[in-house]
């Protein structure tokens, strides 16, 4: 009885969720590369470019491993 919902989750829902997360990360990284390329095209120094890219990074301070493994947070408490 419980096998069917588990297989449905593993075969349909989990891969879809993982592909959606991968797509979001791909879009974020593509935007970051385009932003860096645009700043370099304007002639800004490399140090300024790196600082601006870090400042506007939407994933700054987010550890993706912690997000993908919520059980680790429960064990630490």
C-alpha atoms as a PDB file:
ATOM      1  CA  UNK A   1       0.000   0.000   0.000  1.00  0.00           C
ATOM      2  CA  UNK A   2       2.686   2.511   0.951  1.00  0.00           C
ATOM      3  CA  UNK A   3       4.962   1.413  -1.876  1.00  0.00           C
ATOM      4  CA  UNK A   4       2.934   3.077  -4.639  1.00  0.00           C
ATOM      5  CA  UNK A   5       3.050   6.657  -3.197  1.00  0.00           C
ATOM      6  CA  UNK A   6       6.749   6.246  -2.446  1.00  0.00           C
ATOM      7  CA  UNK A   7       7.526   5.156  -5.995  1.00  0.00           C
ATOM      8  CA  UNK A   8       5.395   7.986  -7.368  1.00  0.00           C
ATOM      9  CA  UNK A   9       7.379  10.480  -5.306  1.00  0.00           C
ATOM     10  CA  UNK A  10      10.766   9.010  -6.243  1.00  0.00           C
ATOM     11  CA  UNK A  11      10.009   8.652  -9.954  1.00  0.00           C
ATOM     12  CA  UNK A  12       7.924  11.767 -10.673  1.00  0.00           C
ATOM     13  CA  UNK A  13       8.035  14.449  -7.996  1.00  0.00           C
ATOM     14  CA  UNK A  14      11.643  14.304  -6.826  1.00  0.00           C
ATOM     15  CA  UNK A  15      13.229  14.534 -10.308  1.00  0.00           C
ATOM     16  CA  UNK A  16      10.907  17.405 -11.225  1.00  0.00           C
ATOM     17  CA  UNK A  17      11.832  19.276  -8.054  1.00  0.00           C
ATOM     18  CA  UNK A  18      15.551  18.726  -8.617  1.00  0.00           C
ATOM     19  CA  UNK A  19      15.333  19.931 -12.223  1.00  0.00           C
ATOM     20  CA  UNK A  20      13.497  23.068 -11.080  1.00  0.00           C
ATOM     21  CA  UNK A  21      16.207  23.837  -8.504  1.00  0.00           C
ATOM     22  CA  UNK A  22      18.921  23.221 -11.098  1.00  0.00           C
ATOM     23  CA  UNK A  23      17.133  25.555 -13.513  1.00  0.00           C
ATOM     24  CA  UNK A  24      16.953  28.317 -10.908  1.00  0.00           C
ATOM     25  CA  UNK A  25      20.652  27.984 -10.146  1.00  0.00           C
ATOM     26  CA  UNK A  26      21.454  28.041 -13.868  1.00  0.00           C
ATOM     27  CA  UNK A  27      19.508  31.271 -14.371  1.00  0.00           C
ATOM     28  CA  UNK A  28      21.151  32.910 -11.349  1.00  0.00           C
ATOM     29  CA  UNK A  29      24.636  31.939 -12.513  1.00  0.00           C
ATOM     30  CA  UNK A  30      23.922  33.108 -16.062  1.00  0.00           C
ATOM     31  CA  UNK A  31      22.789  36.486 -14.743  1.00  0.00           C
ATOM     32  CA  UNK A  32      25.871  36.764 -12.565  1.00  0.00           C
ATOM     33  CA  UNK A  33      28.146  36.064 -15.545  1.00  0.00           C
ATOM     34  CA  UNK A  34      26.311  38.614 -17.703  1.00  0.00           C
ATOM     35  CA  UNK A  35      26.522  41.215 -14.926  1.00  0.00           C
ATOM     36  CA  UNK A  36      30.264  40.598 -14.531  1.00  0.00           C
ATOM     37  CA  UNK A  37      30.785  40.800 -18.308  1.00  0.00           C
ATOM     38  CA  UNK A  38      28.849  44.083 -18.492  1.00  0.00           C
ATOM     39  CA  UNK A  39      30.873  45.624 -15.684  1.00  0.00           C
ATOM     40  CA  UNK A  40      34.134  44.604 -17.354  1.00  0.00           C
ATOM     41  CA  UNK A  41      32.899  46.066 -20.651  1.00  0.00           C
ATOM     42  CA  UNK A  42      32.436  49.402 -18.879  1.00  0.00           C
ATOM     43  CA  UNK A  43      36.123  49.359 -17.987  1.00  0.00           C
ATOM     44  CA  UNK A  44      35.843  48.924 -14.229  1.00  0.00           C
ATOM     45  CA  UNK A  45      38.830  47.455 -12.359  1.00  0.00           C
ATOM     46  CA  UNK A  46      38.702  43.764 -11.505  1.00  0.00           C
ATOM     47  CA  UNK A  47      38.533  44.416  -7.736  1.00  0.00           C
ATOM     48  CA  UNK A  48      35.494  46.674  -8.155  1.00  0.00           C
ATOM     49  CA  UNK A  49      33.812  44.151 -10.452  1.00  0.00           C
ATOM     50  CA  UNK A  50      34.283  41.319  -7.953  1.00  0.00           C
ATOM     51  CA  UNK A  51      32.995  43.455  -5.075  1.00  0.00           C
ATOM     52  CA  UNK A  52      29.887  44.496  -7.008  1.00  0.00           C
ATOM     53  CA  UNK A  53      29.186  40.913  -8.075  1.00  0.00           C
ATOM     54  CA  UNK A  54      29.436  39.795  -4.435  1.00  0.00           C
ATOM     55  CA  UNK A  55      27.211  42.680  -3.306  1.00  0.00           C
ATOM     56  CA  UNK A  56      24.396  41.833  -5.719  1.00  0.00           C
ATOM     57  CA  UNK A  57      24.659  38.028  -5.415  1.00  0.00           C
ATOM     58  CA  UNK A  58      21.180  36.661  -4.541  1.00  0.00           C
ATOM     59  CA  UNK A  59      22.693  33.512  -3.016  1.00  0.00           C
ATOM     60  CA  UNK A  60      25.144  35.338  -0.766  1.00  0.00           C
ATOM     61  CA  UNK A  61      25.234  33.707   2.641  1.00  0.00           C
ATOM     62  CA  UNK A  62      23.069  30.766   1.559  1.00  0.00           C
ATOM     63  CA  UNK A  63      24.614  27.354   1.948  1.00  0.00           C
ATOM     64  CA  UNK A  64      22.883  25.099  -0.577  1.00  0.00           C
ATOM     65  CA  UNK A  65      24.021  21.946   1.208  1.00  0.00           C
ATOM     66  CA  UNK A  66      22.165  23.015   4.345  1.00  0.00           C
ATOM     67  CA  UNK A  67      19.044  23.743   2.324  1.00  0.00           C
ATOM     68  CA  UNK A  68      19.099  20.348   0.647  1.00  0.00           C
ATOM     69  CA  UNK A  69      19.708  18.414   3.898  1.00  0.00           C
ATOM     70  CA  UNK A  70      17.191  19.590   6.515  1.00  0.00           C
ATOM     71  CA  UNK A  71      17.834  16.563   8.748  1.00  0.00           C
ATOM     72  CA  UNK A  72      21.289  17.902   9.606  1.00  0.00           C
ATOM     73  CA  UNK A  73      19.701  20.949  11.257  1.00  0.00           C
ATOM     74  CA  UNK A  74      17.487  18.707  13.359  1.00  0.00           C
ATOM     75  CA  UNK A  75      20.439  16.629  14.562  1.00  0.00           C
ATOM     76  CA  UNK A  76      22.422  19.734  15.598  1.00  0.00           C
ATOM     77  CA  UNK A  77      19.702  20.920  18.007  1.00  0.00           C
END
